[in-house]
Amino acid sequence: MTNPEVLAAEINALPPRIRQYVHYLETNADPAGDKARLLCLTENNAGLAAEVERLRGELDKEIALGAAAEEAATVLRIEIERLQQLIRVADEVGNKAAMEISGLRAALKSGAEKLAAEPFAPRSVIEALLEPLGIYPDCPKHGVGSVRDAIDGCTCHERQPYEPEGSPHGQS
């Protein structure tokens, strides 16, 4: 666009009849400047329409991201529920296993007690039955005791390595 002052100077330099004609066109073409204002508004509307479209595109992206986030949250909720169910099942299995282990421990202890009552039962067999229970006849705190004493009391877990009687390492 040209500078209005330069344009006015150029118009004033024209011959008088042409100047009058330009003035006539200016007056009759847009007497109140409405057409110029309308042109400005049209350009502004076009710019605003472009901005609306840009914002609408951003909004669509945000909506898509929100939907994806919602879908991911749903998948995570389902996965959490599945894991909680697995934990419940594992707890049930663990409780059953603990009950079975408790029964096995009682059976082992009972078997060791019965063997300890036998006069010729090998000490190593009785100790093998007691070891999974954490009962050790040879204890550094309580000394080497009888198997019966071990069954009745010592569970301190400070086990000495078992050396069969009569071995060179088992003699003090």
C-alpha atoms as a PDB file:
ATOM      1  CA  MET A   1       0.000   0.000   0.000  1.00  0.00           C
ATOM      2  CA  THR A   2       1.084   3.515  -0.653  1.00  0.00           C
ATOM      3  CA  ASN A   3       1.509   6.200   1.939  1.00  0.00           C
ATOM      4  CA  PRO A   4      -1.675   8.380   2.154  1.00  0.00           C
ATOM      5  CA  GLU A   5       0.388  11.603   2.137  1.00  0.00           C
ATOM      6  CA  VAL A   6       2.179  10.565  -1.058  1.00  0.00           C
ATOM      7  CA  LEU A   7      -1.121   9.571  -2.610  1.00  0.00           C
ATOM      8  CA  ALA A   8      -2.692  12.934  -1.697  1.00  0.00           C
ATOM      9  CA  ALA A   9       0.319  14.779  -3.173  1.00  0.00           C
ATOM     10  CA  GLU A  10       0.043  12.787  -6.367  1.00  0.00           C
ATOM     11  CA  ILE A  11      -3.693  13.463  -6.612  1.00  0.00           C
ATOM     12  CA  ASN A  12      -3.116  17.190  -6.006  1.00  0.00           C
ATOM     13  CA  ALA A  13      -0.551  17.197  -8.818  1.00  0.00           C
ATOM     14  CA  LEU A  14      -3.134  15.983 -11.316  1.00  0.00           C
ATOM     15  CA  PRO A  15      -4.910  18.383 -13.638  1.00  0.00           C
ATOM     16  CA  PRO A  16      -8.003  19.997 -12.068  1.00  0.00           C
ATOM     17  CA  ARG A  17     -10.609  17.995 -14.038  1.00  0.00           C
ATOM     18  CA  ILE A  18      -9.036  14.685 -13.137  1.00  0.00           C
ATOM     19  CA  ARG A  19      -8.720  15.826  -9.506  1.00  0.00           C
ATOM     20  CA  GLN A  20     -12.459  16.620  -9.474  1.00  0.00           C
ATOM     21  CA  TYR A  21     -13.232  13.236 -10.985  1.00  0.00           C
ATOM     22  CA  VAL A  22     -11.118  11.421  -8.326  1.00  0.00           C
ATOM     23  CA  HIS A  23     -12.842  13.470  -5.633  1.00  0.00           C
ATOM     24  CA  TYR A  24     -16.226  12.574  -7.152  1.00  0.00           C
ATOM     25  CA  LEU A  25     -15.339   8.857  -7.198  1.00  0.00           C
ATOM     26  CA  GLU A  26     -14.093   9.002  -3.630  1.00  0.00           C
ATOM     27  CA  THR A  27     -17.242  10.763  -2.416  1.00  0.00           C
ATOM     28  CA  ASN A  28     -19.745   8.637  -4.305  1.00  0.00           C
ATOM     29  CA  ALA A  29     -17.933   5.348  -3.993  1.00  0.00           C
ATOM     30  CA  ASP A  30     -17.642   5.338  -0.189  1.00  0.00           C
ATOM     31  CA  PRO A  31     -19.042   8.525   1.299  1.00  0.00           C
ATOM     32  CA  ALA A  32     -18.816   7.464   4.950  1.00  0.00           C
ATOM     33  CA  GLY A  33     -15.898   5.057   4.567  1.00  0.00           C
ATOM     34  CA  ASP A  34     -18.288   2.142   4.965  1.00  0.00           C
ATOM     35  CA  LYS A  35     -16.782   0.158   2.146  1.00  0.00           C
ATOM     36  CA  ALA A  36     -13.287   0.560   3.550  1.00  0.00           C
ATOM     37  CA  ARG A  37     -14.554  -0.466   6.982  1.00  0.00           C
ATOM     38  CA  LEU A  38     -16.381  -3.405   5.428  1.00  0.00           C
ATOM     39  CA  LEU A  39     -13.201  -4.466   3.645  1.00  0.00           C
ATOM     40  CA  CYS A  40     -11.321  -4.323   6.980  1.00  0.00           C
ATOM     41  CA  LEU A  41     -14.025  -6.330   8.707  1.00  0.00           C
ATOM     42  CA  THR A  42     -14.000  -8.907   5.926  1.00  0.00           C
ATOM     43  CA  GLU A  43     -10.245  -9.309   6.324  1.00  0.00           C
ATOM     44  CA  ASN A  44     -10.641  -9.541  10.103  1.00  0.00           C
ATOM     45  CA  ASN A  45     -13.391 -12.141   9.700  1.00  0.00           C
ATOM     46  CA  ALA A  46     -11.181 -14.216   7.438  1.00  0.00           C
ATOM     47  CA  GLY A  47      -8.379 -14.038  10.018  1.00  0.00           C
ATOM     48  CA  LEU A  48     -10.734 -14.921  12.843  1.00  0.00           C
ATOM     49  CA  ALA A  49     -12.207 -17.817  10.859  1.00  0.00           C
ATOM     50  CA  ALA A  50      -8.677 -19.152  10.308  1.00  0.00           C
ATOM     51  CA  GLU A  51      -7.970 -18.806  14.069  1.00  0.00           C
ATOM     52  CA  VAL A  52     -11.225 -20.638  14.889  1.00  0.00           C
ATOM     53  CA  GLU A  53     -10.223 -23.491  12.587  1.00  0.00           C
ATOM     54  CA  ARG A  54      -6.771 -23.646  14.168  1.00  0.00           C
ATOM     55  CA  LEU A  55      -8.279 -23.729  17.668  1.00  0.00           C
ATOM     56  CA  ARG A  56     -10.846 -26.305  16.586  1.00  0.00           C
ATOM     57  CA  GLY A  57      -7.988 -28.507  15.338  1.00  0.00           C
ATOM     58  CA  GLU A  58      -6.188 -28.129  18.674  1.00  0.00           C
ATOM     59  CA  LEU A  59      -9.418 -28.931  20.523  1.00  0.00           C
ATOM     60  CA  ASP A  60      -9.915 -32.046  18.392  1.00  0.00           C
ATOM     61  CA  LYS A  61      -6.361 -33.123  19.250  1.00  0.00           C
ATOM     62  CA  GLU A  62      -7.002 -32.504  22.955  1.00  0.00           C
ATOM     63  CA  ILE A  63     -10.255 -34.473  22.779  1.00  0.00           C
ATOM     64  CA  ALA A  64      -8.432 -37.330  21.038  1.00  0.00           C
ATOM     65  CA  LEU A  65      -5.702 -37.248  23.694  1.00  0.00           C
ATOM     66  CA  GLY A  66      -8.345 -37.180  26.416  1.00  0.00           C
ATOM     67  CA  ALA A  67     -10.059 -40.183  24.873  1.00  0.00           C
ATOM     68  CA  ALA A  68      -6.729 -41.997  24.622  1.00  0.00           C
ATOM     69  CA  ALA A  69      -5.957 -41.135  28.248  1.00  0.00           C
ATOM     70  CA  GLU A  70      -9.397 -42.357  29.304  1.00  0.00           C
ATOM     71  CA  GLU A  71      -8.854 -45.594  27.383  1.00  0.00           C
ATOM     72  CA  ALA A  72      -5.407 -46.024  28.982  1.00  0.00           C
ATOM     73  CA  ALA A  73      -6.924 -45.390  32.421  1.00  0.00           C
ATOM     74  CA  THR A  74      -9.559 -48.049  31.741  1.00  0.00           C
ATOM     75  CA  VAL A  75      -6.885 -50.536  30.673  1.00  0.00           C
ATOM     76  CA  LEU A  76      -4.892 -49.733  33.828  1.00  0.00           C
ATOM     77  CA  ARG A  77      -7.978 -50.196  36.027  1.00  0.00           C
ATOM     78  CA  ILE A  78      -8.599 -53.602  34.455  1.00  0.00           C
ATOM     79  CA  GLU A  79      -4.944 -54.569  34.926  1.00  0.00           C
ATOM     80  CA  ILE A  80      -5.008 -53.450  38.577  1.00  0.00           C
ATOM     81  CA  GLU A  81      -8.148 -55.520  39.203  1.00  0.00           C
ATOM     82  CA  ARG A  82      -6.486 -58.533  37.564  1.00  0.00           C
ATOM     83  CA  LEU A  83      -3.378 -58.108  39.718  1.00  0.00           C
ATOM     84  CA  GLN A  84      -5.485 -57.742  42.867  1.00  0.00           C
ATOM     85  CA  GLN A  85      -7.283 -60.958  41.971  1.00  0.00           C
ATOM     86  CA  LEU A  86      -3.923 -62.702  41.464  1.00  0.00           C
ATOM     87  CA  ILE A  87      -2.798 -61.429  44.871  1.00  0.00           C
ATOM     88  CA  ARG A  88      -5.960 -62.826  46.487  1.00  0.00           C
ATOM     89  CA  VAL A  89      -5.368 -66.194  44.807  1.00  0.00           C
ATOM     90  CA  ALA A  90      -1.706 -66.148  45.893  1.00  0.00           C
ATOM     91  CA  ASP A  91      -2.773 -65.354  49.470  1.00  0.00           C
ATOM     92  CA  GLU A  92      -5.199 -68.279  49.435  1.00  0.00           C
ATOM     93  CA  VAL A  93      -2.536 -70.611  48.052  1.00  0.00           C
ATOM     94  CA  GLY A  94      -0.034 -69.284  50.605  1.00  0.00           C
ATOM     95  CA  ASN A  95      -2.481 -69.871  53.457  1.00  0.00           C
ATOM     96  CA  LYS A  96      -3.149 -73.413  52.259  1.00  0.00           C
ATOM     97  CA  ALA A  97       0.588 -74.043  51.919  1.00  0.00           C
ATOM     98  CA  ALA A  98       1.202 -72.664  55.422  1.00  0.00           C
ATOM     99  CA  MET A  99      -1.442 -75.002  56.819  1.00  0.00           C
ATOM    100  CA  GLU A 100       0.092 -77.951  54.963  1.00  0.00           C
ATOM    101  CA  ILE A 101       3.578 -77.010  56.176  1.00  0.00           C
ATOM    102  CA  SER A 102       2.280 -76.750  59.727  1.00  0.00           C
ATOM    103  CA  GLY A 103       0.797 -80.238  59.397  1.00  0.00           C
ATOM    104  CA  LEU A 104       4.031 -81.578  57.923  1.00  0.00           C
ATOM    105  CA  ARG A 105       6.060 -79.983  60.709  1.00  0.00           C
ATOM    106  CA  ALA A 106       3.798 -81.628  63.300  1.00  0.00           C
ATOM    107  CA  ALA A 107       4.137 -84.973  61.510  1.00  0.00           C
ATOM    108  CA  LEU A 108       7.947 -84.644  61.363  1.00  0.00           C
ATOM    109  CA  LYS A 109       8.123 -83.741  65.043  1.00  0.00           C
ATOM    110  CA  SER A 110       5.829 -86.621  65.928  1.00  0.00           C
ATOM    111  CA  GLY A 111       7.960 -89.010  63.863  1.00  0.00           C
ATOM    112  CA  ALA A 112      11.147 -87.731  65.505  1.00  0.00           C
ATOM    113  CA  GLU A 113       9.590 -88.182  68.949  1.00  0.00           C
ATOM    114  CA  LYS A 114       8.620 -91.749  68.120  1.00  0.00           C
ATOM    115  CA  LEU A 115      12.100 -92.480  66.791  1.00  0.00           C
ATOM    116  CA  ALA A 116      13.709 -90.888  69.855  1.00  0.00           C
ATOM    117  CA  ALA A 117      11.752 -93.325  72.031  1.00  0.00           C
ATOM    118  CA  GLU A 118      13.266 -96.272  70.159  1.00  0.00           C
ATOM    119  CA  PRO A 119      16.482 -97.393  71.827  1.00  0.00           C
ATOM    120  CA  PHE A 120      18.351 -98.193  68.620  1.00  0.00           C
ATOM    121  CA  ALA A 121      17.180 -95.332  66.351  1.00  0.00           C
ATOM    122  CA  PRO A 122      20.132 -93.655  64.586  1.00  0.00           C
ATOM    123  CA  ARG A 123      20.660 -90.127  65.818  1.00  0.00           C
ATOM    124  CA  SER A 124      21.386 -88.895  62.263  1.00  0.00           C
ATOM    125  CA  VAL A 125      17.924 -89.975  61.062  1.00  0.00           C
ATOM    126  CA  ILE A 126      16.244 -88.199  63.955  1.00  0.00           C
ATOM    127  CA  GLU A 127      18.318 -85.066  63.321  1.00  0.00           C
ATOM    128  CA  ALA A 128      17.392 -85.196  59.624  1.00  0.00           C
ATOM    129  CA  LEU A 129      13.756 -85.141  60.676  1.00  0.00           C
ATOM    130  CA  LEU A 130      14.302 -82.256  63.097  1.00  0.00           C
ATOM    131  CA  GLU A 131      16.458 -80.052  60.862  1.00  0.00           C
ATOM    132  CA  PRO A 132      13.591 -78.784  58.614  1.00  0.00           C
ATOM    133  CA  LEU A 133      11.806 -77.796  61.811  1.00  0.00           C
ATOM    134  CA  GLY A 134      14.750 -75.676  62.947  1.00  0.00           C
ATOM    135  CA  ILE A 135      15.442 -77.991  65.901  1.00  0.00           C
ATOM    136  CA  TYR A 136      19.109 -78.862  66.356  1.00  0.00           C
ATOM    137  CA  PRO A 137      20.374 -81.232  69.052  1.00  0.00           C
ATOM    138  CA  ASP A 138      23.929 -79.878  68.694  1.00  0.00           C
ATOM    139  CA  CYS A 139      23.598 -76.255  69.808  1.00  0.00           C
ATOM    140  CA  PRO A 140      26.535 -73.991  70.806  1.00  0.00           C
ATOM    141  CA  LYS A 141      24.378 -72.180  73.360  1.00  0.00           C
ATOM    142  CA  HIS A 142      22.957 -75.275  74.966  1.00  0.00           C
ATOM    143  CA  GLY A 143      25.708 -77.757  74.262  1.00  0.00           C
ATOM    144  CA  VAL A 144      25.348 -81.206  72.809  1.00  0.00           C
ATOM    145  CA  GLY A 145      22.185 -82.572  74.294  1.00  0.00           C
ATOM    146  CA  SER A 146      19.961 -85.488  73.780  1.00  0.00           C
ATOM    147  CA  VAL A 147      17.571 -85.614  70.884  1.00  0.00           C
ATOM    148  CA  ARG A 148      14.727 -85.598  73.428  1.00  0.00           C
ATOM    149  CA  ASP A 149      16.035 -82.268  74.845  1.00  0.00           C
ATOM    150  CA  ALA A 150      16.214 -80.844  71.313  1.00  0.00           C
ATOM    151  CA  ILE A 151      12.656 -81.863  70.567  1.00  0.00           C
ATOM    152  CA  ASP A 152      11.474 -80.311  73.818  1.00  0.00           C
ATOM    153  CA  GLY A 153      13.256 -77.027  73.599  1.00  0.00           C
ATOM    154  CA  CYS A 154      16.233 -75.758  71.644  1.00  0.00           C
ATOM    155  CA  THR A 155      15.242 -73.917  68.463  1.00  0.00           C
ATOM    156  CA  CYS A 156      17.883 -71.201  68.603  1.00  0.00           C
ATOM    157  CA  HIS A 157      19.030 -71.825  64.981  1.00  0.00           C
ATOM    158  CA  GLU A 158      22.709 -71.627  65.830  1.00  0.00           C
ATOM    159  CA  ARG A 159      23.380 -74.997  64.342  1.00  0.00           C
ATOM    160  CA  GLN A 160      26.684 -76.777  64.526  1.00  0.00           C
ATOM    161  CA  PRO A 161      27.548 -78.932  61.541  1.00  0.00           C
ATOM    162  CA  TYR A 162      26.517 -82.487  62.206  1.00  0.00           C
ATOM    163  CA  GLU A 163      29.373 -84.902  62.599  1.00  0.00           C
ATOM    164  CA  PRO A 164      28.450 -88.540  63.017  1.00  0.00           C
ATOM    165  CA  GLU A 165      29.590 -90.138  66.252  1.00  0.00           C
ATOM    166  CA  GLY A 166      32.938 -91.809  65.913  1.00  0.00           C
ATOM    167  CA  SER A 167      34.178 -89.564  63.073  1.00  0.00           C
ATOM    168  CA  PRO A 168      37.529 -87.775  63.595  1.00  0.00           C
ATOM    169  CA  HIS A 169      35.770 -84.353  63.462  1.00  0.00           C
ATOM    170  CA  GLY A 170      33.057 -85.319  65.916  1.00  0.00           C
ATOM    171  CA  GLN A 171      35.437 -85.960  68.818  1.00  0.00           C
ATOM    172  CA  SER A 172      36.248 -83.175  71.247  1.00  0.00           C
END
